[in-house]
Amino acid sequence: GISWSTDATFGHTFNADFAKGRFTISRDNPKNTVYLQMDSLKPE
């Protein structure tokens, strides 16, 4: 999940335990887009 703000002070992201260290959520507000970068993918 990601908060509404991308500001360094108020921006906030948080992951499920299984995603920590592997998945990264981000957003580009001018592009109305949210991303999920997934690394080290597993069959599960």
Full PDB file with SEQRES, HELIX, SHEET, SSBOND, CRYST1, ORIGX, SCALE, CONECT and MASTER records, all heavy atoms in Angstrom:
SEQRES   1 A   44  GLY ILE SER TRP SER THR ASP ALA THR PHE GLY HIS THR          
SEQRES   2 A   44  PHE ASN ALA ASP PHE ALA LYS GLY ARG PHE THR ILE SER          
SEQRES   3 A   44  ARG ASP ASN PRO LYS ASN THR VAL TYR LEU GLN MET ASP          
SEQRES   4 A   44  SER LEU LYS PRO GLU                                          
HELIX    1 AA1 ASP A   17  ALA A   19  5                                   3    
HELIX    2 AA2 ASN A   29  LYS A   31  5                                   3    
SHEET    1 AA1 2 PHE A  23  ASP A  28  0                                        
SHEET    2 AA1 2 THR A  33  MET A  38 -1                                        
CRYST1    1.000    1.000    1.000  90.00  90.00  90.00 P 1           1          
ORIGX1      1.000000  0.000000  0.000000        0.00000                         
ORIGX2      0.000000  1.000000  0.000000        0.00000                         
ORIGX3      0.000000  0.000000  1.000000        0.00000                         
SCALE1      1.000000  0.000000  0.000000        0.00000                         
SCALE2      0.000000  1.000000  0.000000        0.00000                         
SCALE3      0.000000  0.000000  1.000000        0.00000                         
ATOM      1  N   GLY A   1       0.812  -1.200   0.000  1.00  0.00           N  
ATOM      2  CA  GLY A   1       0.000   0.000   0.000  1.00  0.00           C  
ATOM      3  C   GLY A   1       0.850   1.256   0.000  1.00  0.00           C  
ATOM      4  O   GLY A   1       2.037   1.217   0.376  1.00  0.00           O  
ATOM      5  N   ILE A   2       0.249   2.355  -0.434  1.00  0.00           N  
ATOM      6  CA  ILE A   2       0.961   3.625  -0.503  1.00  0.00           C  
ATOM      7  C   ILE A   2       0.003   4.760  -0.156  1.00  0.00           C  
ATOM      8  O   ILE A   2      -1.160   4.754  -0.556  1.00  0.00           O  
ATOM      9  CB  ILE A   2       1.593   3.821  -1.903  1.00  0.00           C  
ATOM     10  CG1 ILE A   2       2.512   5.039  -1.934  1.00  0.00           C  
ATOM     11  CG2 ILE A   2       0.526   3.885  -2.998  1.00  0.00           C  
ATOM     12  CD1 ILE A   2       3.404   5.073  -3.174  1.00  0.00           C  
ATOM     13  N   SER A   3       0.499   5.697   0.600  1.00  0.00           N  
ATOM     14  CA  SER A   3      -0.314   6.853   0.975  1.00  0.00           C  
ATOM     15  C   SER A   3      -0.547   7.771  -0.215  1.00  0.00           C  
ATOM     16  O   SER A   3       0.039   7.584  -1.282  1.00  0.00           O  
ATOM     17  CB  SER A   3       0.390   7.628   2.099  1.00  0.00           C  
ATOM     18  OG  SER A   3       1.663   8.070   1.652  1.00  0.00           O  
ATOM     19  N   TRP A   4      -1.383   8.779  -0.016  1.00  0.00           N  
ATOM     20  CA  TRP A   4      -1.707   9.686  -1.117  1.00  0.00           C  
ATOM     21  C   TRP A   4      -0.527  10.551  -1.515  1.00  0.00           C  
ATOM     22  O   TRP A   4      -0.356  10.916  -2.675  1.00  0.00           O  
ATOM     23  CB  TRP A   4      -2.889  10.582  -0.737  1.00  0.00           C  
ATOM     24  CG  TRP A   4      -2.523  11.604   0.297  1.00  0.00           C  
ATOM     25  CD1 TRP A   4      -2.477  11.439   1.648  1.00  0.00           C  
ATOM     26  CD2 TRP A   4      -2.158  12.965   0.055  1.00  0.00           C  
ATOM     27  NE1 TRP A   4      -2.090  12.592   2.269  1.00  0.00           N  
ATOM     28  CE2 TRP A   4      -1.881  13.556   1.320  1.00  0.00           C  
ATOM     29  CE3 TRP A   4      -2.015  13.745  -1.090  1.00  0.00           C  
ATOM     30  CZ2 TRP A   4      -1.508  14.888   1.445  1.00  0.00           C  
ATOM     31  CZ3 TRP A   4      -1.638  15.076  -0.955  1.00  0.00           C  
ATOM     32  CH2 TRP A   4      -1.383  15.614   0.294  1.00  0.00           C  
ATOM     33  N   SER A   5       0.312  10.873  -0.536  1.00  0.00           N  
ATOM     34  CA  SER A   5       1.392  11.806  -0.775  1.00  0.00           C  
ATOM     35  C   SER A   5       2.674  11.083  -1.184  1.00  0.00           C  
ATOM     36  O   SER A   5       2.973   9.991  -0.703  1.00  0.00           O  
ATOM     37  CB  SER A   5       1.655  12.612   0.493  1.00  0.00           C  
ATOM     38  OG  SER A   5       2.786  13.446   0.324  1.00  0.00           O  
ATOM     39  N   THR A   6       3.405  11.694  -2.079  1.00  0.00           N  
ATOM     40  CA  THR A   6       4.742  11.215  -2.435  1.00  0.00           C  
ATOM     41  C   THR A   6       5.824  12.073  -1.797  1.00  0.00           C  
ATOM     42  O   THR A   6       7.002  11.881  -2.061  1.00  0.00           O  
ATOM     43  CB  THR A   6       4.927  11.218  -3.965  1.00  0.00           C  
ATOM     44  OG1 THR A   6       4.709  12.552  -4.452  1.00  0.00           O  
ATOM     45  CG2 THR A   6       3.959  10.270  -4.636  1.00  0.00           C  
ATOM     46  N   ASP A   7       5.391  12.983  -0.944  1.00  0.00           N  
ATOM     47  CA  ASP A   7       6.326  13.863  -0.258  1.00  0.00           C  
ATOM     48  C   ASP A   7       7.242  13.059   0.655  1.00  0.00           C  
ATOM     49  O   ASP A   7       6.827  12.062   1.242  1.00  0.00           O  
ATOM     50  CB  ASP A   7       5.518  14.857   0.576  1.00  0.00           C  
ATOM     51  CG  ASP A   7       6.393  15.803   1.363  1.00  0.00           C  
ATOM     52  OD1 ASP A   7       6.838  16.807   0.806  1.00  0.00           O  
ATOM     53  OD2 ASP A   7       6.657  15.500   2.550  1.00  0.00           O  
ATOM     54  N   ALA A   8       8.479  13.503   0.780  1.00  0.00           N  
ATOM     55  CA  ALA A   8       9.453  12.770   1.591  1.00  0.00           C  
ATOM     56  C   ALA A   8       9.016  12.681   3.045  1.00  0.00           C  
ATOM     57  O   ALA A   8       9.357  11.732   3.764  1.00  0.00           O  
ATOM     58  CB  ALA A   8      10.821  13.439   1.489  1.00  0.00           C  
ATOM     59  N   THR A   9       8.277  13.694   3.513  1.00  0.00           N  
ATOM     60  CA  THR A   9       7.841  13.698   4.911  1.00  0.00           C  
ATOM     61  C   THR A   9       6.565  12.911   5.121  1.00  0.00           C  
ATOM     62  O   THR A   9       6.450  12.151   6.096  1.00  0.00           O  
ATOM     63  CB  THR A   9       7.625  15.157   5.378  1.00  0.00           C  
ATOM     64  OG1 THR A   9       8.858  15.877   5.234  1.00  0.00           O  
ATOM     65  CG2 THR A   9       7.173  15.194   6.830  1.00  0.00           C  
ATOM     66  N   PHE A  10       5.609  13.072   4.234  1.00  0.00           N  
ATOM     67  CA  PHE A  10       4.291  12.469   4.442  1.00  0.00           C  
ATOM     68  C   PHE A  10       4.065  11.209   3.616  1.00  0.00           C  
ATOM     69  O   PHE A  10       3.079  10.507   3.821  1.00  0.00           O  
ATOM     70  CB  PHE A  10       3.196  13.492   4.127  1.00  0.00           C  
ATOM     71  CG  PHE A  10       3.243  14.708   5.011  1.00  0.00           C  
ATOM     72  CD1 PHE A  10       3.725  15.915   4.539  1.00  0.00           C  
ATOM     73  CD2 PHE A  10       2.832  14.619   6.337  1.00  0.00           C  
ATOM     74  CE1 PHE A  10       3.786  17.036   5.359  1.00  0.00           C  
ATOM     75  CE2 PHE A  10       2.884  15.733   7.159  1.00  0.00           C  
ATOM     76  CZ  PHE A  10       3.363  16.938   6.668  1.00  0.00           C  
ATOM     77  N   GLY A  11       4.952  10.918   2.666  1.00  0.00           N  
ATOM     78  CA  GLY A  11       4.798   9.716   1.874  1.00  0.00           C  
ATOM     79  C   GLY A  11       5.039   8.478   2.716  1.00  0.00           C  
ATOM     80  O   GLY A  11       5.887   8.468   3.615  1.00  0.00           O  
ATOM     81  N   HIS A  12       4.300   7.422   2.419  1.00  0.00           N  
ATOM     82  CA  HIS A  12       4.356   6.227   3.267  1.00  0.00           C  
ATOM     83  C   HIS A  12       4.007   5.004   2.435  1.00  0.00           C  
ATOM     84  O   HIS A  12       3.006   5.000   1.724  1.00  0.00           O  
ATOM     85  CB  HIS A  12       3.352   6.406   4.408  1.00  0.00           C  
ATOM     86  CG  HIS A  12       3.206   5.219   5.304  1.00  0.00           C  
ATOM     87  ND1 HIS A  12       4.232   4.729   6.078  1.00  0.00           N  
ATOM     88  CD2 HIS A  12       2.136   4.418   5.549  1.00  0.00           C  
ATOM     89  CE1 HIS A  12       3.798   3.685   6.749  1.00  0.00           C  
ATOM     90  NE2 HIS A  12       2.534   3.472   6.457  1.00  0.00           N  
ATOM     91  N   THR A  13       4.845   3.988   2.505  1.00  0.00           N  
ATOM     92  CA  THR A  13       4.527   2.713   1.851  1.00  0.00           C  
ATOM     93  C   THR A  13       4.628   1.591   2.877  1.00  0.00           C  
ATOM     94  O   THR A  13       5.354   1.700   3.866  1.00  0.00           O  
ATOM     95  CB  THR A  13       5.476   2.424   0.682  1.00  0.00           C  
ATOM     96  OG1 THR A  13       6.805   2.258   1.178  1.00  0.00           O  
ATOM     97  CG2 THR A  13       5.461   3.543  -0.354  1.00  0.00           C  
ATOM     98  N   PHE A  14       3.911   0.518   2.625  1.00  0.00           N  
ATOM     99  CA  PHE A  14       3.945  -0.611   3.550  1.00  0.00           C  
ATOM    100  C   PHE A  14       3.608  -1.881   2.773  1.00  0.00           C  
ATOM    101  O   PHE A  14       2.825  -1.846   1.815  1.00  0.00           O  
ATOM    102  CB  PHE A  14       2.983  -0.417   4.724  1.00  0.00           C  
ATOM    103  CG  PHE A  14       1.614   0.066   4.332  1.00  0.00           C  
ATOM    104  CD1 PHE A  14       0.551  -0.816   4.294  1.00  0.00           C  
ATOM    105  CD2 PHE A  14       1.387   1.399   4.012  1.00  0.00           C  
ATOM    106  CE1 PHE A  14      -0.718  -0.383   3.942  1.00  0.00           C  
ATOM    107  CE2 PHE A  14       0.124   1.838   3.651  1.00  0.00           C  
ATOM    108  CZ  PHE A  14      -0.932   0.951   3.625  1.00  0.00           C  
ATOM    109  N   ASN A  15       4.234  -2.961   3.177  1.00  0.00           N  
ATOM    110  CA  ASN A  15       4.111  -4.234   2.467  1.00  0.00           C  
ATOM    111  C   ASN A  15       3.606  -5.339   3.381  1.00  0.00           C  
ATOM    112  O   ASN A  15       3.824  -5.310   4.596  1.00  0.00           O  
ATOM    113  CB  ASN A  15       5.482  -4.665   1.937  1.00  0.00           C  
ATOM    114  CG  ASN A  15       5.941  -3.864   0.746  1.00  0.00           C  
ATOM    115  OD1 ASN A  15       5.298  -2.934   0.314  1.00  0.00           O  
ATOM    116  ND2 ASN A  15       7.099  -4.237   0.225  1.00  0.00           N  
ATOM    117  N   ALA A  16       3.014  -6.341   2.763  1.00  0.00           N  
ATOM    118  CA  ALA A  16       2.765  -7.591   3.474  1.00  0.00           C  
ATOM    119  C   ALA A  16       4.111  -8.239   3.786  1.00  0.00           C  
ATOM    120  O   ALA A  16       5.112  -7.968   3.113  1.00  0.00           O  
ATOM    121  CB  ALA A  16       1.928  -8.513   2.608  1.00  0.00           C  
ATOM    122  N   ASP A  17       4.131  -9.084   4.784  1.00  0.00           N  
ATOM    123  CA  ASP A  17       5.398  -9.706   5.185  1.00  0.00           C  
ATOM    124  C   ASP A  17       6.056 -10.455   4.035  1.00  0.00           C  
ATOM    125  O   ASP A  17       7.278 -10.392   3.858  1.00  0.00           O  
ATOM    126  CB  ASP A  17       5.168 -10.662   6.355  1.00  0.00           C  
ATOM    127  CG  ASP A  17       4.924  -9.917   7.662  1.00  0.00           C  
ATOM    128  OD1 ASP A  17       5.218  -8.700   7.733  1.00  0.00           O  
ATOM    129  OD2 ASP A  17       4.436 -10.560   8.623  1.00  0.00           O  
ATOM    130  N   PHE A  18       5.259 -11.144   3.233  1.00  0.00           N  
ATOM    131  CA  PHE A  18       5.842 -11.951   2.150  1.00  0.00           C  
ATOM    132  C   PHE A  18       6.462 -11.063   1.063  1.00  0.00           C  
ATOM    133  O   PHE A  18       7.256 -11.512   0.255  1.00  0.00           O  
ATOM    134  CB  PHE A  18       4.803 -12.885   1.521  1.00  0.00           C  
ATOM    135  CG  PHE A  18       3.683 -12.177   0.806  1.00  0.00           C  
ATOM    136  CD1 PHE A  18       3.852 -11.672  -0.473  1.00  0.00           C  
ATOM    137  CD2 PHE A  18       2.455 -12.016   1.423  1.00  0.00           C  
ATOM    138  CE1 PHE A  18       2.822 -11.021  -1.138  1.00  0.00           C  
ATOM    139  CE2 PHE A  18       1.411 -11.364   0.775  1.00  0.00           C  
ATOM    140  CZ  PHE A  18       1.601 -10.866  -0.496  1.00  0.00           C  
ATOM    141  N   ALA A  19       6.061  -9.779   1.038  1.00  0.00           N  
ATOM    142  CA  ALA A  19       6.536  -8.865  -0.001  1.00  0.00           C  
ATOM    143  C   ALA A  19       7.735  -8.025   0.437  1.00  0.00           C  
ATOM    144  O   ALA A  19       8.376  -7.386  -0.403  1.00  0.00           O  
ATOM    145  CB  ALA A  19       5.403  -7.956  -0.445  1.00  0.00           C  
ATOM    146  N   LYS A  20       8.031  -8.024   1.703  1.00  0.00           N  
ATOM    147  CA  LYS A  20       9.119  -7.184   2.201  1.00  0.00           C  
ATOM    148  C   LYS A  20      10.457  -7.609   1.613  1.00  0.00           C  
ATOM    149  O   LYS A  20      10.803  -8.786   1.584  1.00  0.00           O  
ATOM    150  CB  LYS A  20       9.172  -7.240   3.732  1.00  0.00           C  
ATOM    151  CG  LYS A  20       8.013  -6.537   4.391  1.00  0.00           C  
ATOM    152  CD  LYS A  20       8.060  -6.654   5.902  1.00  0.00           C  
ATOM    153  CE  LYS A  20       6.856  -5.946   6.527  1.00  0.00           C  
ATOM    154  NZ  LYS A  20       6.812  -6.099   7.997  1.00  0.00           N  
ATOM    155  N   GLY A  21      11.181  -6.627   1.117  1.00  0.00           N  
ATOM    156  CA  GLY A  21      12.479  -6.888   0.528  1.00  0.00           C  
ATOM    157  C   GLY A  21      12.431  -7.344  -0.925  1.00  0.00           C  
ATOM    158  O   GLY A  21      13.474  -7.470  -1.571  1.00  0.00           O  
ATOM    159  N   ARG A  22      11.218  -7.637  -1.434  1.00  0.00           N  
ATOM    160  CA  ARG A  22      11.102  -8.109  -2.829  1.00  0.00           C  
ATOM    161  C   ARG A  22      10.216  -7.213  -3.679  1.00  0.00           C  
ATOM    162  O   ARG A  22      10.483  -7.036  -4.868  1.00  0.00           O  
ATOM    163  CB  ARG A  22      10.545  -9.534  -2.862  1.00  0.00           C  
ATOM    164  CG  ARG A  22      11.391 -10.553  -2.141  1.00  0.00           C  
ATOM    165  CD  ARG A  22      10.920 -11.976  -2.455  1.00  0.00           C  
ATOM    166  NE  ARG A  22       9.539 -12.196  -2.038  1.00  0.00           N  
ATOM    167  CZ  ARG A  22       8.598 -12.688  -2.839  1.00  0.00           C  
ATOM    168  NH1 ARG A  22       8.867 -12.978  -4.089  1.00  0.00           N  
ATOM    169  NH2 ARG A  22       7.366 -12.879  -2.375  1.00  0.00           N  
ATOM    170  N   PHE A  23       9.150  -6.679  -3.099  1.00  0.00           N  
ATOM    171  CA  PHE A  23       8.186  -5.876  -3.853  1.00  0.00           C  
ATOM    172  C   PHE A  23       8.272  -4.413  -3.421  1.00  0.00           C  
ATOM    173  O   PHE A  23       8.447  -4.123  -2.233  1.00  0.00           O  
ATOM    174  CB  PHE A  23       6.759  -6.367  -3.612  1.00  0.00           C  
ATOM    175  CG  PHE A  23       6.457  -7.743  -4.126  1.00  0.00           C  
ATOM    176  CD1 PHE A  23       7.423  -8.532  -4.735  1.00  0.00           C  
ATOM    177  CD2 PHE A  23       5.177  -8.270  -3.987  1.00  0.00           C  
ATOM    178  CE1 PHE A  23       7.131  -9.810  -5.197  1.00  0.00           C  
ATOM    179  CE2 PHE A  23       4.867  -9.539  -4.449  1.00  0.00           C  
ATOM    180  CZ  PHE A  23       5.844 -10.306  -5.053  1.00  0.00           C  
ATOM    181  N   THR A  24       8.100  -3.520  -4.400  1.00  0.00           N  
ATOM    182  CA  THR A  24       8.123  -2.084  -4.110  1.00  0.00           C  
ATOM    183  C   THR A  24       6.950  -1.412  -4.796  1.00  0.00           C  
ATOM    184  O   THR A  24       6.810  -1.511  -6.022  1.00  0.00           O  
ATOM    185  CB  THR A  24       9.433  -1.449  -4.606  1.00  0.00           C  
ATOM    186  OG1 THR A  24      10.549  -2.124  -4.024  1.00  0.00           O  
ATOM    187  CG2 THR A  24       9.479   0.024  -4.216  1.00  0.00           C  
ATOM    188  N   ILE A  25       6.143  -0.726  -4.013  1.00  0.00           N  
ATOM    189  CA  ILE A  25       5.028   0.037  -4.568  1.00  0.00           C  
ATOM    190  C   ILE A  25       5.452   1.490  -4.711  1.00  0.00           C  
ATOM    191  O   ILE A  25       6.202   2.028  -3.882  1.00  0.00           O  
ATOM    192  CB  ILE A  25       3.770  -0.083  -3.680  1.00  0.00           C  
ATOM    193  CG1 ILE A  25       2.555   0.561  -4.362  1.00  0.00           C  
ATOM    194  CG2 ILE A  25       4.015   0.490  -2.289  1.00  0.00           C  
ATOM    195  CD1 ILE A  25       1.234   0.285  -3.635  1.00  0.00           C  
ATOM    196  N   SER A  26       4.991   2.116  -5.779  1.00  0.00           N  
ATOM    197  CA  SER A  26       5.283   3.528  -5.996  1.00  0.00           C  
ATOM    198  C   SER A  26       4.140   4.143  -6.782  1.00  0.00           C  
ATOM    199  O   SER A  26       3.280   3.424  -7.296  1.00  0.00           O  
ATOM    200  CB  SER A  26       6.612   3.705  -6.740  1.00  0.00           C  
ATOM    201  OG  SER A  26       6.555   3.092  -8.012  1.00  0.00           O  
ATOM    202  N   ARG A  27       4.137   5.461  -6.875  1.00  0.00           N  
ATOM    203  CA  ARG A  27       3.087   6.131  -7.634  1.00  0.00           C  
ATOM    204  C   ARG A  27       3.674   7.338  -8.343  1.00  0.00           C  
ATOM    205  O   ARG A  27       4.634   7.972  -7.868  1.00  0.00           O  
ATOM    206  CB  ARG A  27       1.929   6.538  -6.730  1.00  0.00           C  
ATOM    207  CG  ARG A  27       2.237   7.570  -5.694  1.00  0.00           C  
ATOM    208  CD  ARG A  27       1.073   7.730  -4.690  1.00  0.00           C  
ATOM    209  NE  ARG A  27      -0.150   8.171  -5.342  1.00  0.00           N  
ATOM    210  CZ  ARG A  27      -1.361   7.995  -4.812  1.00  0.00           C  
ATOM    211  NH1 ARG A  27      -1.513   7.401  -3.644  1.00  0.00           N  
ATOM    212  NH2 ARG A  27      -2.424   8.441  -5.464  1.00  0.00           N  
ATOM    213  N   ASP A  28       3.071   7.642  -9.491  1.00  0.00           N  
ATOM    214  CA  ASP A  28       3.409   8.833 -10.255  1.00  0.00           C  
ATOM    215  C   ASP A  28       2.118   9.614 -10.399  1.00  0.00           C  
ATOM    216  O   ASP A  28       1.287   9.316 -11.270  1.00  0.00           O  
ATOM    217  CB  ASP A  28       3.984   8.427 -11.618  1.00  0.00           C  
ATOM    218  CG  ASP A  28       4.496   9.617 -12.417  1.00  0.00           C  
ATOM    219  OD1 ASP A  28       4.031  10.754 -12.186  1.00  0.00           O  
ATOM    220  OD2 ASP A  28       5.350   9.411 -13.279  1.00  0.00           O  
ATOM    221  N   ASN A  29       1.917  10.577  -9.542  1.00  0.00           N  
ATOM    222  CA  ASN A  29       0.639  11.288  -9.519  1.00  0.00           C  
ATOM    223  C   ASN A  29       0.335  12.044 -10.813  1.00  0.00           C  
ATOM    224  O   ASN A  29      -0.809  12.010 -11.274  1.00  0.00           O  
ATOM    225  CB  ASN A  29       0.565  12.211  -8.311  1.00  0.00           C  
ATOM    226  CG  ASN A  29       0.285  11.445  -7.016  1.00  0.00           C  
ATOM    227  OD1 ASN A  29      -0.149  10.293  -7.035  1.00  0.00           O  
ATOM    228  ND2 ASN A  29       0.556  12.061  -5.876  1.00  0.00           N  
ATOM    229  N   PRO A  30       1.301  12.717 -11.430  1.00  0.00           N  
ATOM    230  CA  PRO A  30       0.990  13.377 -12.708  1.00  0.00           C  
ATOM    231  C   PRO A  30       0.535  12.392 -13.795  1.00  0.00           C  
ATOM    232  O   PRO A  30      -0.179  12.792 -14.722  1.00  0.00           O  
ATOM    233  CB  PRO A  30       2.300  14.052 -13.089  1.00  0.00           C  
ATOM    234  CG  PRO A  30       2.988  14.279 -11.791  1.00  0.00           C  
ATOM    235  CD  PRO A  30       2.643  13.069 -10.958  1.00  0.00           C  
ATOM    236  N   LYS A  31       0.947  11.138 -13.684  1.00  0.00           N  
ATOM    237  CA  LYS A  31       0.559  10.142 -14.683  1.00  0.00           C  
ATOM    238  C   LYS A  31      -0.636   9.298 -14.230  1.00  0.00           C  
ATOM    239  O   LYS A  31      -1.027   8.358 -14.928  1.00  0.00           O  
ATOM    240  CB  LYS A  31       1.735   9.209 -14.993  1.00  0.00           C  
ATOM    241  CG  LYS A  31       2.886   9.905 -15.708  1.00  0.00           C  
ATOM    242  CD  LYS A  31       3.960   8.897 -16.084  1.00  0.00           C  
ATOM    243  CE  LYS A  31       5.094   9.590 -16.863  1.00  0.00           C  
ATOM    244  NZ  LYS A  31       6.165   8.627 -17.240  1.00  0.00           N  
ATOM    245  N   ASN A  32      -1.185   9.612 -13.049  1.00  0.00           N  
ATOM    246  CA  ASN A  32      -2.330   8.851 -12.517  1.00  0.00           C  
ATOM    247  C   ASN A  32      -2.047   7.354 -12.485  1.00  0.00           C  
ATOM    248  O   ASN A  32      -2.914   6.535 -12.809  1.00  0.00           O  
ATOM    249  CB  ASN A  32      -3.591   9.111 -13.354  1.00  0.00           C  
ATOM    250  CG  ASN A  32      -4.208  10.458 -13.059  1.00  0.00           C  
ATOM    251  OD1 ASN A  32      -3.628  11.275 -12.351  1.00  0.00           O  
ATOM    252  ND2 ASN A  32      -5.374  10.706 -13.616  1.00  0.00           N  
ATOM    253  N   THR A  33      -0.843   6.994 -12.106  1.00  0.00           N  
ATOM    254  CA  THR A  33      -0.410   5.609 -12.188  1.00  0.00           C  
ATOM    255  C   THR A  33       0.236   5.157 -10.882  1.00  0.00           C  
ATOM    256  O   THR A  33       1.015   5.901 -10.279  1.00  0.00           O  
ATOM    257  CB  THR A  33       0.583   5.425 -13.345  1.00  0.00           C  
ATOM    258  OG1 THR A  33      -0.033   5.849 -14.571  1.00  0.00           O  
ATOM    259  CG2 THR A  33       0.985   3.962 -13.483  1.00  0.00           C  
ATOM    260  N   VAL A  34      -0.083   3.937 -10.491  1.00  0.00           N  
ATOM    261  CA  VAL A  34       0.586   3.285  -9.364  1.00  0.00           C  
ATOM    262  C   VAL A  34       1.274   2.030  -9.905  1.00  0.00           C  
ATOM    263  O   VAL A  34       0.769   1.369 -10.819  1.00  0.00           O  
ATOM    264  CB  VAL A  34      -0.401   2.955  -8.229  1.00  0.00           C  
ATOM    265  CG1 VAL A  34      -1.491   2.003  -8.690  1.00  0.00           C  
ATOM    266  CG2 VAL A  34       0.317   2.416  -7.016  1.00  0.00           C  
ATOM    267  N   TYR A  35       2.446   1.744  -9.356  1.00  0.00           N  
ATOM    268  CA  TYR A  35       3.273   0.645  -9.844  1.00  0.00           C  
ATOM    269  C   TYR A  35       3.519  -0.373  -8.731  1.00  0.00           C  
ATOM    270  O   TYR A  35       3.468  -0.047  -7.543  1.00  0.00           O  
ATOM    271  CB  TYR A  35       4.618   1.167 -10.329  1.00  0.00           C  
ATOM    272  CG  TYR A  35       4.542   2.215 -11.401  1.00  0.00           C  
ATOM    273  CD1 TYR A  35       4.647   3.574 -11.092  1.00  0.00           C  
ATOM    274  CD2 TYR A  35       4.374   1.858 -12.736  1.00  0.00           C  
ATOM    275  CE1 TYR A  35       4.581   4.538 -12.070  1.00  0.00           C  
ATOM    276  CE2 TYR A  35       4.310   2.816 -13.729  1.00  0.00           C  
ATOM    277  CZ  TYR A  35       4.410   4.153 -13.391  1.00  0.00           C  
ATOM    278  OH  TYR A  35       4.344   5.122 -14.379  1.00  0.00           O  
ATOM    279  N   LEU A  36       3.837  -1.585  -9.158  1.00  0.00           N  
ATOM    280  CA  LEU A  36       4.317  -2.604  -8.233  1.00  0.00           C  
ATOM    281  C   LEU A  36       5.505  -3.291  -8.887  1.00  0.00           C  
ATOM    282  O   LEU A  36       5.335  -4.053  -9.847  1.00  0.00           O  
ATOM    283  CB  LEU A  36       3.238  -3.621  -7.887  1.00  0.00           C  
ATOM    284  CG  LEU A  36       3.662  -4.668  -6.859  1.00  0.00           C  
ATOM    285  CD1 LEU A  36       3.882  -4.010  -5.489  1.00  0.00           C  
ATOM    286  CD2 LEU A  36       2.621  -5.788  -6.743  1.00  0.00           C  
ATOM    287  N   GLN A  37       6.682  -2.984  -8.402  1.00  0.00           N  
ATOM    288  CA  GLN A  37       7.895  -3.649  -8.872  1.00  0.00           C  
ATOM    289  C   GLN A  37       8.078  -4.921  -8.060  1.00  0.00           C  
ATOM    290  O   GLN A  37       8.172  -4.870  -6.830  1.00  0.00           O  
ATOM    291  CB  GLN A  37       9.116  -2.737  -8.695  1.00  0.00           C  
ATOM    292  CG  GLN A  37      10.435  -3.373  -9.042  1.00  0.00           C  
ATOM    293  CD  GLN A  37      10.580  -3.660 -10.525  1.00  0.00           C  
ATOM    294  OE1 GLN A  37      10.278  -2.826 -11.363  1.00  0.00           O  
ATOM    295  NE2 GLN A  37      11.051  -4.861 -10.851  1.00  0.00           N  
ATOM    296  N   MET A  38       8.140  -6.047  -8.745  1.00  0.00           N  
ATOM    297  CA  MET A  38       8.265  -7.330  -8.066  1.00  0.00           C  
ATOM    298  C   MET A  38       9.571  -7.987  -8.494  1.00  0.00           C  
ATOM    299  O   MET A  38       9.780  -8.263  -9.685  1.00  0.00           O  
ATOM    300  CB  MET A  38       7.080  -8.230  -8.421  1.00  0.00           C  
ATOM    301  CG  MET A  38       5.737  -7.609  -8.087  1.00  0.00           C  
ATOM    302  SD  MET A  38       4.363  -8.763  -8.310  1.00  0.00           S  
ATOM    303  CE  MET A  38       4.412  -8.994 -10.082  1.00  0.00           C  
ATOM    304  N   ASP A  39      10.445  -8.216  -7.548  1.00  0.00           N  
ATOM    305  CA  ASP A  39      11.737  -8.855  -7.801  1.00  0.00           C  
ATOM    306  C   ASP A  39      11.800 -10.203  -7.091  1.00  0.00           C  
ATOM    307  O   ASP A  39      11.027 -10.473  -6.183  1.00  0.00           O  
ATOM    308  CB  ASP A  39      12.863  -7.946  -7.304  1.00  0.00           C  
ATOM    309  CG  ASP A  39      12.898  -6.607  -8.019  1.00  0.00           C  
ATOM    310  OD1 ASP A  39      12.690  -6.591  -9.240  1.00  0.00           O  
ATOM    311  OD2 ASP A  39      13.124  -5.582  -7.351  1.00  0.00           O  
ATOM    312  N   SER A  40      12.742 -11.016  -7.515  1.00  0.00           N  
ATOM    313  CA  SER A  40      12.951 -12.335  -6.905  1.00  0.00           C  
ATOM    314  C   SER A  40      11.636 -13.095  -6.788  1.00  0.00           C  
ATOM    315  O   SER A  40      11.293 -13.626  -5.724  1.00  0.00           O  
ATOM    316  CB  SER A  40      13.591 -12.174  -5.518  1.00  0.00           C  
ATOM    317  OG  SER A  40      14.816 -11.481  -5.611  1.00  0.00           O  
ATOM    318  N   LEU A  41      10.921 -13.163  -7.870  1.00  0.00           N  
ATOM    319  CA  LEU A  41       9.608 -13.792  -7.857  1.00  0.00           C  
ATOM    320  C   LEU A  41       9.718 -15.288  -7.562  1.00  0.00           C  
ATOM    321  O   LEU A  41      10.686 -15.953  -7.947  1.00  0.00           O  
ATOM    322  CB  LEU A  41       8.896 -13.565  -9.181  1.00  0.00           C  
ATOM    323  CG  LEU A  41       8.283 -12.158  -9.323  1.00  0.00           C  
ATOM    324  CD1 LEU A  41       7.988 -11.840 -10.781  1.00  0.00           C  
ATOM    325  CD2 LEU A  41       7.030 -12.042  -8.483  1.00  0.00           C  
ATOM    326  N   LYS A  42       8.696 -15.795  -6.873  1.00  0.00           N  
ATOM    327  CA  LYS A  42       8.622 -17.203  -6.488  1.00  0.00           C  
ATOM    328  C   LYS A  42       7.348 -17.809  -7.068  1.00  0.00           C  
ATOM    329  O   LYS A  42       6.375 -17.086  -7.327  1.00  0.00           O  
ATOM    330  CB  LYS A  42       8.574 -17.314  -4.962  1.00  0.00           C  
ATOM    331  CG  LYS A  42       9.717 -16.628  -4.244  1.00  0.00           C  
ATOM    332  CD  LYS A  42       9.529 -16.702  -2.737  1.00  0.00           C  
ATOM    333  CE  LYS A  42      10.651 -15.987  -1.997  1.00  0.00           C  
ATOM    334  NZ  LYS A  42      10.463 -16.048  -0.525  1.00  0.00           N  
ATOM    335  N   PRO A  43       7.326 -19.121  -7.235  1.00  0.00           N  
ATOM    336  CA  PRO A  43       6.096 -19.753  -7.749  1.00  0.00           C  
ATOM    337  C   PRO A  43       4.863 -19.415  -6.904  1.00  0.00           C  
ATOM    338  O   PRO A  43       3.762 -19.278  -7.462  1.00  0.00           O  
ATOM    339  CB  PRO A  43       6.431 -21.240  -7.696  1.00  0.00           C  
ATOM    340  CG  PRO A  43       7.916 -21.280  -7.893  1.00  0.00           C  
ATOM    341  CD  PRO A  43       8.438 -20.086  -7.148  1.00  0.00           C  
ATOM    342  N   GLU A  44       5.045 -19.256  -5.616  1.00  0.00           N  
ATOM    343  CA  GLU A  44       3.901 -18.937  -4.753  1.00  0.00           C  
ATOM    344  C   GLU A  44       3.392 -17.510  -4.936  1.00  0.00           C  
ATOM    345  O   GLU A  44       2.365 -17.137  -4.359  1.00  0.00           O  
ATOM    346  CB  GLU A  44       4.241 -19.180  -3.278  1.00  0.00           C  
ATOM    347  CG  GLU A  44       5.523 -18.527  -2.802  1.00  0.00           C  
ATOM    348  CD  GLU A  44       6.714 -19.486  -2.832  1.00  0.00           C  
ATOM    349  OE1 GLU A  44       6.866 -20.238  -3.834  1.00  0.00           O  
ATOM    350  OE2 GLU A  44       7.509 -19.458  -1.858  1.00  0.00           O  
TER     351      GLU A  44                                                      
MASTER        0    0    0    2    2    0    0    6  350    1    0    4          
END                                                                             
